[in-house]
Amino acid sequence: MIKDHVDILFGNEEELKTLFAEDDFYKALDLVKPLVEIAAVTRNAKGSVVVNGRVKILSKPKKSTTSSIRPVPAICMPPVFCMA
């Protein structure tokens, strides 16, 4: 189903591991790579990972301060699409 209907996959580490019934994050990442054009996965304190088949981009988390957090108005079209 993913291969035929999903181009870009967004999720967190636990969702990805659950999707593939895999305990190892990197094994689950290898399983998703051939199925989608891009997968973007958040990993909490470990940062995030973006893959597009052959390339893996790892991003370390950045420490933020409360002064940098501002509300962003969003335009949403329930249940799926939101644009900030």
N, C-alpha and C. Protein backbone atom coordinates (compact mmCIF):
# COMPACT_ATOMS: atom_id res chain seq x y z
N MET A 1 0.82 -1.18 0.00
CA MET A 1 0.00 0.00 0.00
C MET A 1 0.87 1.26 0.00
N ILE A 2 1.93 1.30 0.81
CA ILE A 2 2.79 2.48 0.88
C ILE A 2 3.42 2.75 -0.48
N LYS A 3 3.95 1.74 -1.11
CA LYS A 3 4.66 1.92 -2.37
C LYS A 3 3.78 2.53 -3.46
N ASP A 4 2.51 2.18 -3.49
CA ASP A 4 1.61 2.65 -4.54
C ASP A 4 0.91 3.96 -4.22
N HIS A 5 0.88 4.37 -2.94
CA HIS A 5 0.07 5.52 -2.57
C HIS A 5 0.79 6.61 -1.79
N VAL A 6 2.05 6.42 -1.44
CA VAL A 6 2.75 7.41 -0.61
C VAL A 6 4.03 7.84 -1.31
N ASP A 7 4.21 9.16 -1.46
CA ASP A 7 5.45 9.70 -2.01
C ASP A 7 6.36 10.21 -0.91
N ILE A 8 5.77 10.93 0.05
CA ILE A 8 6.53 11.51 1.16
C ILE A 8 5.92 11.00 2.46
N LEU A 9 6.76 10.40 3.29
CA LEU A 9 6.30 9.84 4.56
C LEU A 9 6.86 10.67 5.70
N PHE A 10 6.00 11.16 6.58
CA PHE A 10 6.40 11.88 7.79
C PHE A 10 5.98 11.05 8.99
N GLY A 11 6.84 10.97 9.99
CA GLY A 11 6.48 10.26 11.21
C GLY A 11 7.58 10.36 12.23
N ASN A 12 7.35 9.74 13.36
CA ASN A 12 8.40 9.69 14.37
C ASN A 12 9.00 8.29 14.42
N GLU A 13 10.04 8.15 15.20
CA GLU A 13 10.79 6.89 15.27
C GLU A 13 9.90 5.71 15.64
N GLU A 14 9.06 5.88 16.65
CA GLU A 14 8.21 4.79 17.11
C GLU A 14 7.18 4.40 16.04
N GLU A 15 6.64 5.39 15.36
CA GLU A 15 5.67 5.09 14.29
C GLU A 15 6.31 4.30 13.16
N LEU A 16 7.53 4.67 12.80
CA LEU A 16 8.23 3.96 11.73
C LEU A 16 8.51 2.51 12.13
N LYS A 17 8.99 2.31 13.36
CA LYS A 17 9.28 0.95 13.82
C LYS A 17 8.01 0.11 13.90
N THR A 18 6.90 0.73 14.31
CA THR A 18 5.62 0.02 14.38
C THR A 18 5.11 -0.33 12.99
N LEU A 19 5.26 0.60 12.05
CA LEU A 19 4.80 0.38 10.69
C LEU A 19 5.43 -0.86 10.07
N PHE A 20 6.70 -1.11 10.39
CA PHE A 20 7.41 -2.26 9.82
C PHE A 20 7.61 -3.40 10.82
N ALA A 21 6.96 -3.32 11.97
CA ALA A 21 7.10 -4.35 13.01
C ALA A 21 8.57 -4.66 13.26
N GLU A 22 9.34 -3.61 13.47
CA GLU A 22 10.80 -3.73 13.61
C GLU A 22 11.24 -3.00 14.88
N ASP A 23 12.05 -3.64 15.71
CA ASP A 23 12.55 -3.00 16.92
C ASP A 23 13.73 -2.08 16.65
N ASP A 24 14.46 -2.34 15.59
CA ASP A 24 15.66 -1.57 15.26
C ASP A 24 15.30 -0.42 14.32
N PHE A 25 15.57 0.81 14.74
CA PHE A 25 15.22 1.99 13.95
C PHE A 25 15.89 1.97 12.58
N TYR A 26 17.18 1.65 12.53
CA TYR A 26 17.90 1.70 11.25
C TYR A 26 17.45 0.60 10.29
N LYS A 27 17.00 -0.53 10.80
CA LYS A 27 16.44 -1.57 9.93
C LYS A 27 15.11 -1.09 9.34
N ALA A 28 14.29 -0.44 10.18
CA ALA A 28 13.01 0.10 9.69
C ALA A 28 13.26 1.18 8.64
N LEU A 29 14.29 2.00 8.86
CA LEU A 29 14.64 3.04 7.90
C LEU A 29 15.06 2.43 6.56
N ASP A 30 15.82 1.35 6.62
CA ASP A 30 16.23 0.67 5.39
C ASP A 30 15.03 0.05 4.66
N LEU A 31 14.01 -0.37 5.42
CA LEU A 31 12.82 -0.96 4.81
C LEU A 31 11.95 0.10 4.12
N VAL A 32 11.93 1.32 4.64
CA VAL A 32 11.08 2.35 4.04
C VAL A 32 11.73 2.99 2.82
N LYS A 33 13.05 3.01 2.75
CA LYS A 33 13.75 3.71 1.67
C LYS A 33 13.30 3.33 0.26
N PRO A 34 13.15 2.06 -0.07
CA PRO A 34 12.73 1.74 -1.45
C PRO A 34 11.24 1.97 -1.72
N LEU A 35 10.47 2.28 -0.70
CA LEU A 35 9.03 2.40 -0.87
C LEU A 35 8.52 3.81 -1.13
N VAL A 36 9.29 4.82 -0.70
CA VAL A 36 8.83 6.21 -0.85
C VAL A 36 9.94 7.07 -1.45
N GLU A 37 9.53 8.21 -2.01
CA GLU A 37 10.52 9.15 -2.54
C GLU A 37 11.33 9.77 -1.41
N ILE A 38 10.64 10.20 -0.35
CA ILE A 38 11.28 10.84 0.80
C ILE A 38 10.61 10.36 2.08
N ALA A 39 11.42 10.09 3.10
CA ALA A 39 10.90 9.80 4.44
C ALA A 39 11.58 10.76 5.41
N ALA A 40 10.78 11.46 6.20
CA ALA A 40 11.29 12.38 7.22
C ALA A 40 10.82 11.85 8.57
N VAL A 41 11.79 11.53 9.44
CA VAL A 41 11.47 10.88 10.71
C VAL A 41 12.10 11.65 11.87
N THR A 42 11.27 12.02 12.83
CA THR A 42 11.79 12.69 14.03
C THR A 42 12.18 11.65 15.06
N ARG A 43 13.19 12.01 15.88
CA ARG A 43 13.70 11.05 16.87
C ARG A 43 13.84 11.67 18.26
N ASN A 44 12.98 12.61 18.60
CA ASN A 44 13.03 13.30 19.89
C ASN A 44 14.39 13.91 20.15
N ALA A 45 15.04 13.56 21.25
CA ALA A 45 16.33 14.15 21.62
C ALA A 45 17.46 13.72 20.69
N LYS A 46 17.21 12.74 19.83
CA LYS A 46 18.24 12.28 18.91
C LYS A 46 18.22 13.06 17.60
N GLY A 47 17.29 14.00 17.44
CA GLY A 47 17.23 14.78 16.22
C GLY A 47 16.24 14.21 15.23
N SER A 48 16.62 14.22 13.95
CA SER A 48 15.74 13.71 12.90
C SER A 48 16.56 13.14 11.75
N VAL A 49 15.89 12.39 10.89
CA VAL A 49 16.53 11.76 9.74
C VAL A 49 15.63 11.95 8.52
N VAL A 50 16.26 12.30 7.40
CA VAL A 50 15.54 12.38 6.13
C VAL A 50 16.26 11.46 5.16
N VAL A 51 15.52 10.59 4.49
CA VAL A 51 16.12 9.68 3.50
C VAL A 51 15.38 9.81 2.18
N ASN A 52 16.10 9.59 1.09
CA ASN A 52 15.45 9.59 -0.23
C ASN A 52 16.00 8.47 -1.09
N GLY A 53 15.99 7.28 -0.57
CA GLY A 53 16.48 6.14 -1.33
C GLY A 53 17.92 5.81 -1.00
N ARG A 54 18.85 6.63 -1.51
CA ARG A 54 20.26 6.35 -1.27
C ARG A 54 20.89 7.25 -0.22
N VAL A 55 20.34 8.44 -0.04
CA VAL A 55 20.97 9.43 0.82
C VAL A 55 20.24 9.52 2.16
N LYS A 56 21.03 9.53 3.25
CA LYS A 56 20.51 9.71 4.59
C LYS A 56 21.04 11.03 5.13
N ILE A 57 20.18 11.91 5.56
CA ILE A 57 20.60 13.17 6.16
C ILE A 57 20.20 13.13 7.62
N LEU A 58 21.20 13.20 8.49
CA LEU A 58 20.96 13.17 9.93
C LEU A 58 21.04 14.59 10.46
N SER A 59 20.10 14.98 11.29
CA SER A 59 20.08 16.31 11.86
C SER A 59 20.07 16.20 13.37
N LYS A 60 21.03 16.83 14.02
CA LYS A 60 21.07 16.83 15.48
C LYS A 60 20.02 17.81 16.00
N PRO A 61 19.51 17.54 17.20
CA PRO A 61 18.51 18.47 17.75
C PRO A 61 19.17 19.81 18.09
N LYS A 62 18.39 20.86 18.00
CA LYS A 62 18.88 22.18 18.36
C LYS A 62 18.16 22.63 19.61
N LYS A 63 18.92 23.17 20.54
CA LYS A 63 18.33 23.65 21.78
C LYS A 63 17.64 24.97 21.49
N SER A 64 16.40 25.09 21.93
CA SER A 64 15.68 26.34 21.71
C SER A 64 15.38 26.98 23.05
N THR A 65 15.11 28.26 23.01
CA THR A 65 14.72 28.97 24.21
C THR A 65 13.26 29.36 24.06
N THR A 66 12.63 29.63 25.18
CA THR A 66 11.21 29.99 25.11
C THR A 66 11.01 31.31 24.37
N SER A 67 12.05 32.16 24.34
CA SER A 67 11.90 33.43 23.64
C SER A 67 11.82 33.24 22.12
N SER A 68 12.32 32.10 21.63
CA SER A 68 12.27 31.86 20.20
C SER A 68 10.98 31.19 19.75
N ILE A 69 10.15 30.83 20.70
CA ILE A 69 8.90 30.16 20.37
C ILE A 69 7.80 31.21 20.22
N ARG A 70 7.24 31.29 19.03
CA ARG A 70 6.17 32.25 18.74
C ARG A 70 5.00 31.51 18.14
N PRO A 71 3.79 31.93 18.48
CA PRO A 71 2.64 31.28 17.83
C PRO A 71 2.62 31.59 16.35
N VAL A 72 2.28 30.60 15.56
CA VAL A 72 2.21 30.77 14.12
C VAL A 72 0.77 30.52 13.69
N PRO A 73 0.16 31.51 13.04
CA PRO A 73 -1.21 31.27 12.57
C PRO A 73 -1.20 30.19 11.49
N ALA A 74 -2.19 29.35 11.50
CA ALA A 74 -2.25 28.27 10.51
C ALA A 74 -3.58 28.30 9.77
N ILE A 75 -3.52 27.93 8.54
CA ILE A 75 -4.72 27.76 7.73
C ILE A 75 -4.91 26.26 7.56
N CYS A 76 -5.98 25.72 8.10
CA CYS A 76 -6.19 24.28 8.05
C CYS A 76 -7.46 23.93 7.31
N MET A 77 -7.37 22.81 6.60
CA MET A 77 -8.53 22.25 5.94
C MET A 77 -8.69 20.83 6.46
N PRO A 78 -9.45 20.68 7.55
CA PRO A 78 -9.58 19.38 8.19
C PRO A 78 -10.04 18.32 7.20
N PRO A 79 -9.66 17.08 7.37
CA PRO A 79 -8.85 16.59 8.45
C PRO A 79 -7.37 16.49 8.12
N VAL A 80 -6.92 16.81 6.92
CA VAL A 80 -5.58 16.45 6.50
C VAL A 80 -4.63 17.62 6.30
N PHE A 81 -5.01 18.67 5.63
CA PHE A 81 -4.07 19.67 5.16
C PHE A 81 -3.98 20.88 6.08
N CYS A 82 -2.76 21.26 6.47
CA CYS A 82 -2.52 22.48 7.23
C CYS A 82 -1.37 23.24 6.60
N MET A 83 -1.51 24.53 6.55
CA MET A 83 -0.43 25.38 6.02
C MET A 83 -0.18 26.49 7.02
N ALA A 84 1.09 26.68 7.39
CA ALA A 84 1.42 27.74 8.34
C ALA A 84 1.91 28.95 7.59
